[in-house]
Amino acid sequence: MANPVSTRKGGDGRLTAALDPQDQGPQDACGVFGVWAPGEDVSKLTYYGLYALQHRGQESAGIAVSNGRQILVYKDMGLVSQVFDESTLEALKGHLAIGHSRYSTTGASTWHNAQPTFHPTQHGSIALAHNGNLTNTAELAEMVADRSALDGELDLSVRRPEQSTNDTGVVTALLADHPDTTVEERAMELLPLVKGAFSFVWMTENTLYAARDPQGIRPLVLGRLERGWVVASETAALDIVGASFIREIEPGEMIAVDEEGLRTRRFAEAAPKHCLFEFVYLARPDTLMVGKRMHSVRVEIGRRLARTFPADADLVIPVPESGTPAAIGYAEASGIPYGTGLVKNSYVGRTFIQPSQTIRQLGIRLKLNPLRDVIEGKRLVVVDDSIVRGNTQRALIRMLREAGAREVHVRISSPPVKWPCFYGIDFATRAELIGNGLTNDEICRSIDADSLGYIELDDLVDATDVPKDNLCRACFDGVYPIELPDPVLLGKDVLELNRTISTPQTAPVGPPSTTTDVDGLAASLSGGGAGDALRHP
C-alpha cells in the first residue's frame, strides 16, 4: 500500500473546484470501477476507467490488483493522474482489479479513508470500493465490535494499516468475517443487513464482485470486454476502456465474475429509487442512465424551463460546464440565440493551493471570465444547474453587470435544494441552503438578478422519463425513500466522534456542533441560515 507519510509529490485532499472553499456547491458521490480480464493490463484499464469517473470524486484515488496469489493496493490523496504514474501502474500486475475515486461522505478526507479498503483473512484477502452512503453505519460498526471480541476471522495477528473511519471499512471487515462459508455466501447474508445507498465493487484473489442496493440510488453498470468483464459507476467509464455496455446492474442484485464466467444472484427485491440529482448534475453528460443519455435529458430540462419561465432577452448563455445542455434546450425552445458569454479556466480545480485573501477577493474571475464583446448591452438568460448558498451566483451576476450586461435573468435546471442528502451527495447543511426559508423572489433579490426561475419538480421528473415513484427526490421534497436513524448517527464523522457507537435505542450523545431542526434532521450551528443571504447582498 502507499505510505501515508509519503514524500512523493501528490495531493493533500483539499482539491476544490469552488471559488471559495467556504462556498462549496453540491459535492459528487464517488466513482467505482472493476475489471476481470486475464491477459489484459488491468491496472491501466482501471486507471483510465477512474479517469473517466474523476468528476465523481477528487479527494483520493486507489487501485487494488490481484495476480491470483495476492492483492496489492495502491492509494493516495489527490486526482487519479496525480496518484498514479507509469512506474506505479507497471508494478500493479494481475488479471483482476478494482478502483475508486473518492469524495468523502462518511469519514474524514485522509489517506486512511482512501479506497479501496483492504482486509486480510485467514483464507485470503478482500479489497472493496464503495459509491454511496450507508444509513446504519453505527449498527454495522457494533457488529464489527462484537465479532472482534470473538475468536475468528477478525482477530488476526496480521499487521494492518491504521483503521479507517468510514462505512466502507466497516463493510469490508464484515465481509472478511466468514470462517465457515465462502465470501459469496457471506455477502448474501450481509447485504440484506446493509441499509442506505451503495454500489459496491469488491474482490478476492480470484473473483470480482459487485452489488447495488435494493433502491438502486447510485448507478452501477456492467460492460463486456473481448476477454473479460467490467463494472463501473457510469457508462462513460466503459467507453474509455472500449467495453460494450451490457446493462445496468439491477437494484438488489449481486454479480460475481471468475474463471467460471459471470453469475448473478438477488439478495433483495428491487424497489427502484434512482437519484434524481444524477440527471441534473452528477453524471457526465455522455453517460447513459436508465436508457437515457444525460445530455438529452438536460436539453429537455432546458426546453421545459423556457416554456415555464420565458424571458424577454437577447442571448442565452450557460454557466459552464454544468449549465450548457440546459442552456441549449432553453435557447432552442425560446428562439433566443445561444452564445458563449463566459470562458472557463479548466485548470482552476486542478490545484491544491488555496487562494489567498487577495486572490479570493477576485471571486468568480478565478474560474470564469466574461466575453465583454458578446454580452455588453445584452439582456441575458443565464442557465445553471443549482443554487446552494447563492454566493457564487451573486458574484457571477455582479461580474456580468460590470462587463456591460443590461439585464440578467437566471434560470436553474433543478428545483430549489432544501434538504440534505444522506445517500452519497454532500450538500451544505439545511441551515445554509438558500432555498430553505426564502421565497424565489427573495432569492432573486439576494443574488441581484432581474428574474429567477427554477424548473418545477414535476417537469424535471417528466424530462427523465422515469416514473416519479421510482426516483429519490429527497433533496427537493424531503421524502426519504430509506428510513433514517437518529440524526446523531447520520454525521459524516460518526465513526470518528464515537469509536464505540451506541444504537439509536440507547440515545447517544451527539457532537456539540450539531443540533436537530424542527423537521428532525441534523443542521450545523456553524453555518448561517438562509435568511443571512438577505442581510449580506
Protein backbone atom coordinates (compact mmCIF):
# COMPACT_ATOMS: atom_id res chain seq x y z
CA MET A 1 0.00 0.00 0.00
CA ALA A 2 1.05 3.58 -0.48
CA ASN A 3 2.78 5.05 2.54
CA PRO A 4 0.54 7.56 4.34
CA VAL A 5 3.61 9.65 5.10
CA SER A 6 4.88 9.51 1.53
CA THR A 7 7.41 12.03 0.28
CA ARG A 8 6.32 11.72 -3.34
CA LYS A 9 4.51 14.72 -4.72
CA GLY A 10 0.77 14.21 -4.57
CA GLY A 11 -2.47 15.68 -3.42
CA ASP A 12 -3.43 16.56 0.12
CA GLY A 13 -7.16 16.02 -0.21
CA ARG A 14 -8.02 19.71 -0.34
CA LEU A 15 -8.83 19.85 -4.02
CA THR A 16 -11.74 22.11 -4.76
CA ALA A 17 -13.17 23.50 -7.95
CA ALA A 18 -15.07 26.09 -5.92
CA LEU A 19 -14.04 29.71 -5.91
CA ASP A 20 -14.11 29.81 -2.15
CA PRO A 21 -13.70 26.65 -0.02
CA GLN A 22 -16.37 28.04 2.29
CA ASP A 23 -18.89 28.18 -0.55
CA GLN A 24 -18.92 24.61 -1.85
CA GLY A 25 -21.58 23.52 -4.27
CA PRO A 26 -23.04 20.01 -4.20
CA GLN A 27 -20.14 17.58 -3.96
CA ASP A 28 -20.26 14.45 -6.03
CA ALA A 29 -20.59 10.89 -4.98
CA CYS A 30 -17.65 8.52 -5.58
CA GLY A 31 -16.64 6.60 -8.68
CA VAL A 32 -16.07 2.83 -8.66
CA PHE A 33 -14.60 0.56 -11.32
CA GLY A 34 -13.82 -3.14 -11.52
CA VAL A 35 -12.39 -5.38 -14.23
CA TRP A 36 -11.80 -9.13 -14.62
CA ALA A 37 -9.74 -9.69 -17.77
CA PRO A 38 -6.91 -12.26 -17.85
CA GLY A 39 -4.29 -11.23 -20.38
CA GLU A 40 -5.19 -7.54 -20.22
CA ASP A 41 -3.31 -4.75 -18.45
CA VAL A 42 -6.00 -4.41 -15.78
CA SER A 43 -4.26 -1.70 -13.75
CA LYS A 44 -4.17 0.63 -16.77
CA LEU A 45 -7.74 -0.21 -17.69
CA THR A 46 -8.72 0.71 -14.14
CA TYR A 47 -6.67 3.90 -14.29
CA TYR A 48 -8.47 5.06 -17.41
CA GLY A 49 -11.82 3.97 -16.01
CA LEU A 50 -11.23 6.11 -12.94
CA TYR A 51 -10.04 8.95 -15.15
CA ALA A 52 -13.48 8.91 -16.81
CA LEU A 53 -15.10 8.95 -13.35
CA GLN A 54 -12.91 11.71 -11.90
CA HIS A 55 -15.88 14.11 -11.78
CA ARG A 56 -17.48 11.90 -9.11
CA GLY A 57 -14.68 12.37 -6.56
CA GLN A 58 -11.38 14.22 -6.47
CA GLU A 59 -10.08 13.80 -2.92
CA SER A 60 -8.25 10.50 -3.27
CA ALA A 61 -7.83 7.59 -5.65
CA GLY A 62 -6.79 3.96 -5.37
CA ILE A 63 -6.42 0.71 -7.27
CA ALA A 64 -6.29 -2.88 -5.99
CA VAL A 65 -4.90 -5.62 -8.25
CA SER A 66 -4.71 -9.40 -7.83
CA ASN A 67 -2.42 -11.81 -9.64
CA GLY A 68 -4.27 -14.83 -8.25
CA ARG A 69 -1.94 -15.18 -5.27
CA GLN A 70 -2.14 -11.83 -3.53
CA ILE A 71 -3.87 -8.46 -3.66
CA LEU A 72 -1.80 -5.28 -3.89
CA VAL A 73 -3.41 -1.92 -3.08
CA TYR A 74 -2.02 1.48 -4.00
CA LYS A 75 -3.86 4.64 -2.99
CA ASP A 76 -3.10 8.25 -2.14
CA MET A 77 -4.66 11.67 -1.80
CA GLY A 78 -5.29 13.61 -4.98
CA LEU A 79 -6.51 13.23 -8.53
CA VAL A 80 -6.15 9.95 -10.41
CA SER A 81 -3.43 11.47 -12.60
CA GLN A 82 -1.54 12.69 -9.52
CA VAL A 83 -1.74 9.43 -7.58
CA PHE A 84 -0.62 7.11 -10.39
CA ASP A 85 2.23 7.24 -12.87
CA GLU A 86 3.61 4.79 -15.39
CA SER A 87 6.00 3.07 -12.98
CA THR A 88 3.33 2.63 -10.31
CA LEU A 89 0.89 1.05 -12.76
CA GLU A 90 3.63 -1.24 -14.15
CA ALA A 91 4.11 -2.64 -10.64
CA LEU A 92 0.40 -3.49 -10.33
CA LYS A 93 0.24 -6.69 -12.36
CA GLY A 94 -2.63 -9.15 -12.41
CA HIS A 95 -5.82 -10.29 -14.07
CA LEU A 96 -8.33 -8.64 -11.73
CA ALA A 97 -8.58 -5.09 -10.38
CA ILE A 98 -10.90 -2.60 -8.74
CA GLY A 99 -10.52 1.16 -8.39
CA HIS A 100 -12.04 4.13 -6.62
CA SER A 101 -12.07 7.92 -6.84
CA ARG A 102 -13.35 9.44 -3.62
CA TYR A 103 -15.34 12.32 -2.31
CA SER A 104 -15.87 11.74 1.39
CA THR A 105 -19.44 11.36 2.66
CA THR A 106 -18.62 9.27 5.74
CA GLY A 107 -15.19 9.60 7.32
CA ALA A 108 -12.63 12.39 7.04
CA SER A 109 -10.69 13.08 3.87
CA THR A 110 -7.49 11.31 4.96
CA TRP A 111 -5.23 8.65 3.49
CA HIS A 112 -6.59 6.02 5.88
CA ASN A 113 -10.07 6.56 4.49
CA ALA A 114 -8.98 6.41 0.85
CA GLN A 115 -10.29 3.39 -1.02
CA PRO A 116 -10.24 0.56 -1.93
CA THR A 117 -10.23 -0.65 1.66
CA PHE A 118 -8.28 -3.85 2.33
CA HIS A 119 -8.77 -6.62 4.85
CA PRO A 120 -6.77 -9.84 5.22
CA THR A 121 -8.41 -13.06 6.37
CA GLN A 122 -7.08 -16.48 7.25
CA HIS A 123 -8.05 -17.74 3.79
CA GLY A 124 -7.17 -14.76 1.60
CA SER A 125 -7.88 -11.05 1.36
CA ILE A 126 -10.67 -8.68 0.40
CA ALA A 127 -10.49 -5.21 -1.18
CA LEU A 128 -13.64 -3.12 -1.54
CA ALA A 129 -14.71 0.18 -3.16
CA HIS A 130 -17.99 1.93 -2.41
CA ASN A 131 -20.10 4.63 -4.02
CA GLY A 132 -22.92 5.90 -1.82
CA ASN A 133 -23.54 6.38 1.87
CA LEU A 134 -24.93 3.97 4.45
CA THR A 135 -27.57 4.95 6.99
CA ASN A 136 -26.93 2.16 9.52
CA THR A 137 -23.17 2.53 9.82
CA ALA A 138 -23.44 2.66 13.61
CA GLU A 139 -25.28 -0.65 13.73
CA LEU A 140 -22.77 -2.29 11.38
CA ALA A 141 -19.87 -0.93 13.42
CA GLU A 142 -21.33 -2.56 16.53
CA MET A 143 -21.43 -5.85 14.62
CA VAL A 144 -17.73 -5.46 13.87
CA ALA A 145 -17.00 -4.69 17.51
CA ASP A 146 -18.98 -7.73 18.65
CA ARG A 147 -17.23 -10.01 16.17
CA SER A 148 -13.79 -8.63 17.02
CA ALA A 149 -14.28 -9.70 20.60
CA LEU A 150 -14.60 -13.32 19.50
CA ASP A 151 -12.04 -15.74 18.14
CA GLY A 152 -12.30 -15.81 14.39
CA GLU A 153 -11.52 -14.13 11.15
CA LEU A 154 -11.47 -10.59 12.52
CA ASP A 155 -8.95 -11.40 15.25
CA LEU A 156 -5.85 -11.98 13.15
CA SER A 157 -2.24 -11.47 14.15
CA VAL A 158 -1.58 -9.66 10.88
CA ARG A 159 -0.04 -6.20 10.60
CA ARG A 160 -2.70 -3.84 9.29
CA PRO A 161 -2.74 -0.15 8.37
CA GLU A 162 -4.42 2.27 10.74
CA GLN A 163 -8.16 1.62 10.92
CA SER A 164 -10.36 3.61 8.58
CA THR A 165 -13.31 5.60 9.90
CA ASN A 166 -15.71 5.23 7.02
CA ASP A 167 -18.65 2.97 6.30
CA THR A 168 -16.68 1.16 3.59
CA GLY A 169 -14.14 -0.13 6.10
CA VAL A 170 -16.93 -1.46 8.29
CA VAL A 171 -18.49 -3.43 5.42
CA THR A 172 -15.08 -4.76 4.37
CA ALA A 173 -14.44 -6.07 7.87
CA LEU A 174 -17.82 -7.78 7.99
CA LEU A 175 -17.31 -9.38 4.58
CA ALA A 176 -13.95 -10.70 5.77
CA ASP A 177 -15.68 -12.45 8.69
CA HIS A 178 -16.62 -15.75 7.03
CA PRO A 179 -14.95 -18.61 8.94
CA ASP A 180 -17.43 -21.31 7.92
CA THR A 181 -18.54 -20.17 4.47
CA THR A 182 -17.38 -18.51 1.24
CA VAL A 183 -17.11 -14.78 0.60
CA GLU A 184 -20.02 -15.05 -1.80
CA GLU A 185 -22.31 -16.71 0.74
CA ARG A 186 -21.17 -14.26 3.40
CA ALA A 187 -22.13 -11.40 1.07
CA MET A 188 -25.59 -12.89 0.58
CA GLU A 189 -26.02 -12.92 4.37
CA LEU A 190 -24.60 -9.43 4.90
CA LEU A 191 -26.03 -7.35 2.04
CA PRO A 192 -29.67 -7.57 3.26
CA LEU A 193 -28.47 -6.06 6.57
CA VAL A 194 -26.78 -3.07 4.91
CA LYS A 195 -29.07 -0.03 4.70
CA GLY A 196 -28.69 3.12 2.66
CA ALA A 197 -27.25 3.79 -0.78
CA PHE A 198 -24.46 1.55 -2.01
CA SER A 199 -22.86 0.42 -5.20
CA PHE A 200 -20.13 -1.96 -4.00
CA VAL A 201 -17.32 -3.37 -6.10
CA TRP A 202 -15.03 -5.80 -4.30
CA MET A 203 -12.59 -8.60 -4.97
CA THR A 204 -10.81 -11.58 -3.56
CA GLU A 205 -7.66 -13.01 -5.12
CA ASN A 206 -9.68 -14.69 -7.87
CA THR A 207 -13.16 -13.19 -8.08
CA LEU A 208 -14.68 -9.81 -8.92
CA TYR A 209 -17.95 -8.93 -7.17
CA ALA A 210 -20.42 -6.06 -7.49
CA ALA A 211 -23.69 -5.25 -5.73
CA ARG A 212 -26.26 -2.45 -5.80
CA ASP A 213 -28.67 -1.51 -3.03
CA PRO A 214 -32.34 -2.52 -3.43
CA GLN A 215 -33.31 1.07 -4.24
CA GLY A 216 -30.59 1.49 -6.87
CA ILE A 217 -29.98 5.07 -5.71
CA ARG A 218 -26.42 5.25 -7.01
CA PRO A 219 -25.66 3.97 -10.54
CA LEU A 220 -23.73 0.81 -11.45
CA VAL A 221 -23.34 -0.71 -14.92
CA LEU A 222 -21.97 -3.89 -16.48
CA GLY A 223 -19.77 -3.98 -19.58
CA ARG A 224 -18.11 -6.64 -21.74
CA LEU A 225 -14.53 -6.74 -22.97
CA GLU A 226 -13.31 -9.14 -25.61
CA ARG A 227 -11.51 -11.07 -22.87
CA GLY A 228 -13.37 -10.10 -19.74
CA TRP A 229 -15.96 -8.08 -17.85
CA VAL A 230 -16.13 -4.55 -16.46
CA VAL A 231 -18.33 -2.89 -13.81
CA ALA A 232 -18.38 0.87 -13.34
CA SER A 233 -20.40 3.75 -11.93
CA GLU A 234 -21.16 5.17 -15.37
CA THR A 235 -21.15 4.05 -18.99
CA ALA A 236 -18.59 6.78 -19.75
CA ALA A 237 -16.02 4.61 -17.97
CA LEU A 238 -16.95 1.64 -20.20
CA ASP A 239 -16.50 3.78 -23.29
CA ILE A 240 -12.99 4.90 -22.38
CA VAL A 241 -11.72 1.31 -21.97
CA GLY A 242 -13.50 0.01 -25.07
CA ALA A 243 -16.06 -2.12 -23.21
CA SER A 244 -19.53 -2.72 -24.61
CA PHE A 245 -22.42 -1.64 -22.40
CA ILE A 246 -24.47 -4.72 -21.47
CA ARG A 247 -26.95 -3.43 -18.88
CA GLU A 248 -27.33 -1.73 -15.53
CA ILE A 249 -26.77 -3.91 -12.50
CA GLU A 250 -30.24 -4.16 -11.04
CA PRO A 251 -31.23 -2.88 -7.60
CA GLY A 252 -30.85 -5.73 -5.09
CA GLU A 253 -28.55 -7.70 -7.40
CA MET A 254 -25.08 -9.12 -6.78
CA ILE A 255 -22.85 -10.36 -9.57
CA ALA A 256 -19.64 -12.40 -9.42
CA VAL A 257 -17.05 -12.92 -12.18
CA ASP A 258 -14.28 -15.53 -12.15
CA GLU A 259 -12.79 -18.20 -14.41
CA GLU A 260 -16.16 -19.93 -14.49
CA GLY A 261 -17.79 -16.85 -16.03
CA LEU A 262 -20.39 -14.37 -14.79
CA ARG A 263 -23.15 -15.33 -12.38
CA THR A 264 -25.82 -13.25 -10.74
CA ARG A 265 -27.83 -13.56 -7.54
CA ARG A 266 -30.56 -11.47 -5.96
CA PHE A 267 -30.22 -10.58 -2.27
CA ALA A 268 -33.30 -8.31 -2.11
CA GLU A 269 -36.34 -7.39 -4.14
CA ALA A 270 -35.87 -4.30 -6.29
CA ALA A 271 -37.63 -1.11 -5.14
CA PRO A 272 -36.12 1.47 -7.55
CA LYS A 273 -35.45 4.97 -6.25
CA HIS A 274 -32.83 6.31 -8.64
CA CYS A 275 -31.19 9.59 -7.58
CA LEU A 276 -32.85 12.46 -9.44
CA PHE A 277 -29.83 14.71 -8.96
CA GLU A 278 -27.74 12.35 -11.10
CA PHE A 279 -29.82 13.57 -14.05
CA VAL A 280 -29.31 17.22 -13.17
CA TYR A 281 -25.62 17.38 -12.33
CA LEU A 282 -23.70 14.37 -11.03
CA ALA A 283 -23.41 12.07 -14.04
CA ARG A 284 -21.36 13.00 -17.08
CA PRO A 285 -23.47 14.31 -19.99
CA ASP A 286 -22.26 11.43 -22.21
CA THR A 287 -23.37 8.79 -19.69
CA LEU A 288 -26.34 6.52 -20.40
CA MET A 289 -28.61 6.03 -17.39
CA VAL A 290 -31.96 4.20 -17.22
CA GLY A 291 -31.92 4.18 -21.00
CA LYS A 292 -31.42 7.93 -21.38
CA ARG A 293 -28.34 9.94 -22.35
CA MET A 294 -27.80 12.61 -19.70
CA HIS A 295 -27.13 15.32 -22.27
CA SER A 296 -30.53 14.69 -23.88
CA VAL A 297 -32.30 14.81 -20.51
CA ARG A 298 -30.64 18.12 -19.63
CA VAL A 299 -31.50 19.65 -23.01
CA GLU A 300 -35.14 18.67 -22.41
CA ILE A 301 -34.98 20.24 -18.95
CA GLY A 302 -33.89 23.48 -20.64
CA ARG A 303 -36.79 23.31 -23.08
CA ARG A 304 -39.24 22.94 -20.22
CA LEU A 305 -37.60 25.82 -18.36
CA ALA A 306 -38.11 28.06 -21.39
CA ARG A 307 -41.79 27.18 -21.61
CA THR A 308 -42.44 27.66 -17.89
CA PHE A 309 -40.17 30.69 -17.31
CA PRO A 310 -39.81 32.65 -20.55
CA ALA A 311 -37.70 35.79 -20.68
CA ASP A 312 -37.56 38.81 -22.98
CA ALA A 313 -33.84 38.60 -23.72
CA ASP A 314 -31.19 38.80 -26.43
CA LEU A 315 -28.89 35.90 -25.57
CA VAL A 316 -28.91 32.62 -23.66
CA ILE A 317 -25.58 31.71 -22.05
CA PRO A 318 -24.66 28.76 -19.80
CA VAL A 319 -22.57 28.70 -16.67
CA PRO A 320 -20.02 26.19 -18.00
CA GLU A 321 -19.95 23.30 -17.95
CA SER A 322 -22.91 22.13 -15.89
CA GLY A 323 -25.38 24.59 -17.36
CA THR A 324 -24.52 24.01 -21.03
CA PRO A 325 -27.04 21.32 -22.10
CA ALA A 326 -29.98 23.04 -20.37
CA ALA A 327 -28.96 26.37 -21.94
CA ILE A 328 -29.01 24.72 -25.38
CA GLY A 329 -32.53 23.46 -24.70
CA TYR A 330 -33.67 26.84 -23.38
CA ALA A 331 -32.39 28.62 -26.48
CA GLU A 332 -33.98 26.03 -28.77
CA ALA A 333 -37.43 26.28 -27.18
CA SER A 334 -37.40 30.06 -26.67
CA GLY A 335 -35.97 31.10 -30.03
CA ILE A 336 -33.40 33.28 -28.25
CA PRO A 337 -29.89 32.83 -29.71
CA TYR A 338 -27.47 30.65 -27.75
CA GLY A 339 -24.00 32.03 -27.15
CA THR A 340 -20.79 31.67 -25.18
CA GLY A 341 -20.61 34.56 -22.77
CA LEU A 342 -18.34 33.00 -20.15
CA VAL A 343 -14.97 31.33 -20.64
CA LYS A 344 -14.00 28.76 -18.03
CA ASN A 345 -10.48 28.17 -16.76
CA SER A 346 -10.42 24.38 -16.93
CA TYR A 347 -7.50 24.11 -14.52
CA VAL A 348 -8.70 26.15 -11.57
CA GLY A 349 -9.90 22.96 -9.85
CA ARG A 350 -6.63 21.16 -10.51
CA THR A 351 -4.60 22.97 -7.88
CA PHE A 352 -4.09 22.18 -4.21
CA ILE A 353 -3.02 25.72 -3.40
CA GLN A 354 -5.74 27.57 -1.53
CA PRO A 355 -6.25 31.14 -2.82
CA SER A 356 -5.00 33.95 -0.64
CA GLN A 357 -7.48 36.50 0.64
CA THR A 358 -6.39 38.94 -2.09
CA ILE A 359 -6.89 36.34 -4.81
CA ARG A 360 -10.15 35.16 -3.27
CA GLN A 361 -11.50 38.71 -3.48
CA LEU A 362 -11.26 38.38 -7.25
CA GLY A 363 -14.07 35.89 -6.77
CA ILE A 364 -15.63 34.35 -9.81
CA ARG A 365 -12.81 35.59 -12.08
CA LEU A 366 -10.62 32.77 -10.80
CA LYS A 367 -12.85 30.36 -12.64
CA LEU A 368 -14.87 32.28 -15.23
CA ASN A 369 -14.11 35.26 -17.41
CA PRO A 370 -16.79 37.21 -19.31
CA LEU A 371 -16.60 37.87 -23.05
CA ARG A 372 -17.37 41.57 -22.91
CA ASP A 373 -17.83 41.90 -26.68
CA VAL A 374 -20.54 39.21 -26.56
CA ILE A 375 -22.53 40.35 -23.53
CA GLU A 376 -22.12 44.14 -23.47
CA GLY A 377 -25.50 45.83 -23.85
CA LYS A 378 -27.32 42.47 -23.95
CA ARG A 379 -30.25 41.16 -21.94
CA LEU A 380 -29.00 37.75 -20.81
CA VAL A 381 -30.59 34.48 -19.77
CA VAL A 382 -28.01 32.70 -17.62
CA VAL A 383 -28.61 28.96 -17.13
CA ASP A 384 -27.05 27.00 -14.25
CA ASP A 385 -27.72 23.63 -12.60
CA SER A 386 -28.43 24.68 -9.00
CA ILE A 387 -28.15 27.38 -6.36
CA VAL A 388 -26.81 26.25 -2.99
CA ARG A 389 -25.87 29.25 -0.86
CA GLY A 390 -26.20 31.89 -3.57
CA ASN A 391 -22.76 33.42 -3.12
CA THR A 392 -21.42 32.19 -6.46
CA GLN A 393 -24.46 33.38 -8.41
CA ARG A 394 -24.32 36.76 -6.67
CA ALA A 395 -20.67 37.21 -7.68
CA LEU A 396 -21.35 36.00 -11.21
CA ILE A 397 -24.21 38.45 -11.76
CA ARG A 398 -22.10 41.30 -10.41
CA MET A 399 -19.33 40.38 -12.86
CA LEU A 400 -21.75 40.21 -15.80
CA ARG A 401 -23.19 43.63 -14.97
CA GLU A 402 -19.68 45.08 -14.69
CA ALA A 403 -18.99 43.63 -18.16
CA GLY A 404 -21.94 45.57 -19.55
CA ALA A 405 -24.94 43.23 -19.35
CA ARG A 406 -28.18 45.24 -19.36
CA GLU A 407 -30.29 42.55 -17.67
CA VAL A 408 -29.53 39.15 -16.13
CA HIS A 409 -32.32 36.57 -15.96
CA VAL A 410 -31.27 33.41 -14.07
CA ARG A 411 -32.76 30.01 -14.92
CA ILE A 412 -31.96 26.93 -12.83
CA SER A 413 -32.30 23.37 -14.16
CA SER A 414 -33.20 21.88 -10.76
CA PRO A 415 -35.83 22.82 -8.17
CA PRO A 416 -34.62 24.61 -5.01
CA VAL A 417 -32.42 22.29 -2.95
CA LYS A 418 -34.00 22.37 0.52
CA TRP A 419 -32.98 19.12 2.17
CA PRO A 420 -29.66 17.36 2.89
CA CYS A 421 -28.75 14.11 1.18
CA PHE A 422 -27.88 11.05 3.28
CA TYR A 423 -27.29 8.77 0.30
CA GLY A 424 -23.96 9.93 -1.10
CA ILE A 425 -24.09 13.63 -2.05
CA ASP A 426 -22.61 16.22 0.27
CA PHE A 427 -24.74 19.36 0.12
CA ALA A 428 -24.50 22.25 2.50
CA THR A 429 -26.45 21.84 5.73
CA ARG A 430 -30.15 22.75 5.78
CA ALA A 431 -29.36 25.96 7.65
CA GLU A 432 -27.04 27.06 4.83
CA LEU A 433 -29.24 26.18 1.85
CA ILE A 434 -30.59 29.42 0.42
CA GLY A 435 -33.65 27.59 -0.93
CA ASN A 436 -34.66 26.60 2.60
CA GLY A 437 -36.52 29.52 4.14
CA LEU A 438 -36.50 32.08 1.32
CA THR A 439 -39.06 32.54 -1.43
CA ASN A 440 -37.95 32.65 -5.05
CA ASP A 441 -38.48 36.43 -5.08
CA GLU A 442 -36.27 36.81 -2.01
CA ILE A 443 -33.56 34.65 -3.58
CA CYS A 444 -33.81 36.69 -6.77
CA ARG A 445 -33.25 39.92 -4.81
CA SER A 446 -30.44 38.33 -2.82
CA ILE A 447 -28.42 37.42 -5.92
CA ASP A 448 -29.40 40.70 -7.68
CA ALA A 449 -30.99 39.01 -10.70
CA ASP A 450 -33.68 40.67 -12.81
CA SER A 451 -35.70 37.45 -12.67
CA LEU A 452 -35.25 33.90 -11.39
CA GLY A 453 -36.89 30.66 -12.44
CA TYR A 454 -36.36 27.11 -11.18
CA ILE A 455 -37.57 24.05 -13.08
CA GLU A 456 -40.70 22.61 -11.48
CA LEU A 457 -40.16 19.24 -9.82
CA ASP A 458 -42.80 17.53 -11.95
CA ASP A 459 -41.26 18.97 -15.13
CA LEU A 460 -37.84 17.69 -14.05
CA VAL A 461 -39.25 14.23 -13.38
CA ASP A 462 -41.06 14.19 -16.73
CA ALA A 463 -37.83 15.09 -18.54
CA THR A 464 -36.20 11.91 -17.22
CA ASP A 465 -38.96 9.59 -18.49
CA VAL A 466 -38.68 7.73 -15.16
CA PRO A 467 -41.84 7.31 -13.06
CA LYS A 468 -41.85 9.73 -10.14
CA ASP A 469 -42.24 6.92 -7.60
CA ASN A 470 -39.05 5.31 -8.96
CA LEU A 471 -36.89 8.36 -8.17
CA CYS A 472 -35.27 9.62 -4.99
CA ARG A 473 -36.26 13.29 -4.78
CA ALA A 474 -35.33 13.83 -1.14
CA CYS A 475 -33.09 16.87 -1.64
CA PHE A 476 -36.01 18.63 -3.33
CA ASP A 477 -39.09 17.46 -1.44
CA GLY A 478 -37.77 15.93 1.82
CA VAL A 479 -39.25 12.49 1.12
CA TYR A 480 -36.54 9.99 2.06
CA PRO A 481 -37.06 6.55 0.47
CA ILE A 482 -34.85 4.75 3.00
CA GLU A 483 -35.66 5.17 6.68
CA LEU A 484 -33.21 7.38 8.54
CA PRO A 485 -31.91 6.66 12.04
CA ASP A 486 -31.44 9.12 14.88
CA PRO A 487 -29.84 12.32 13.47
CA VAL A 488 -26.67 11.97 15.57
CA LEU A 489 -25.94 8.70 13.74
CA LEU A 490 -26.01 10.33 10.32
CA GLY A 491 -23.00 12.63 10.52
CA LYS A 492 -20.07 12.43 8.14
CA ASP A 493 -17.77 11.87 11.13
CA VAL A 494 -19.97 9.44 13.04
CA LEU A 495 -17.21 6.82 13.37
CA GLU A 496 -14.62 9.41 14.38
CA LEU A 497 -16.77 11.01 17.06
CA ASN A 498 -17.80 7.70 18.56
CA ARG A 499 -15.42 4.77 18.18
CA THR A 500 -17.88 2.85 20.34
CA ILE A 501 -21.16 3.77 18.73
CA SER A 502 -24.45 3.40 20.51
CA THR A 503 -27.53 2.27 18.69
CA PRO A 504 -30.47 4.67 18.29
CA GLN A 505 -32.29 2.95 21.14
CA THR A 506 -29.59 3.99 23.62
CA ALA A 507 -29.95 7.69 22.75
CA PRO A 508 -26.27 8.53 22.13
CA VAL A 509 -24.99 11.99 22.81
CA GLY A 510 -24.33 13.88 19.59
CA PRO A 511 -21.35 16.14 18.89
CA PRO A 512 -21.61 19.69 20.21
CA SER A 513 -21.56 21.10 16.65
CA THR A 514 -24.87 19.53 15.61
CA THR A 515 -28.45 20.03 16.62
CA THR A 516 -31.80 18.83 15.36
CA ASP A 517 -34.02 21.21 13.42
CA VAL A 518 -37.80 21.33 13.51
CA ASP A 519 -38.03 18.59 10.89
CA GLY A 520 -35.90 16.21 12.92
CA LEU A 521 -32.78 16.46 10.75
CA ALA A 522 -29.30 17.48 11.84
CA ALA A 523 -28.31 21.04 11.00
CA SER A 524 -24.94 22.64 11.58
CA LEU A 525 -24.83 25.52 14.02
CA SER A 526 -21.71 26.90 12.37
CA GLY A 527 -23.44 27.83 9.11
CA GLY A 528 -25.64 30.87 8.69
CA GLY A 529 -29.34 30.43 8.00
CA ALA A 530 -30.78 31.21 4.58
CA GLY A 531 -32.09 34.49 5.91
CA ASP A 532 -28.48 35.59 6.24
CA ALA A 533 -28.39 35.94 2.45
CA LEU A 534 -30.77 38.88 2.66
CA ARG A 535 -28.55 40.66 5.17
CA HIS A 536 -25.44 40.21 3.02
CA PRO A 537 -26.34 41.28 -0.54
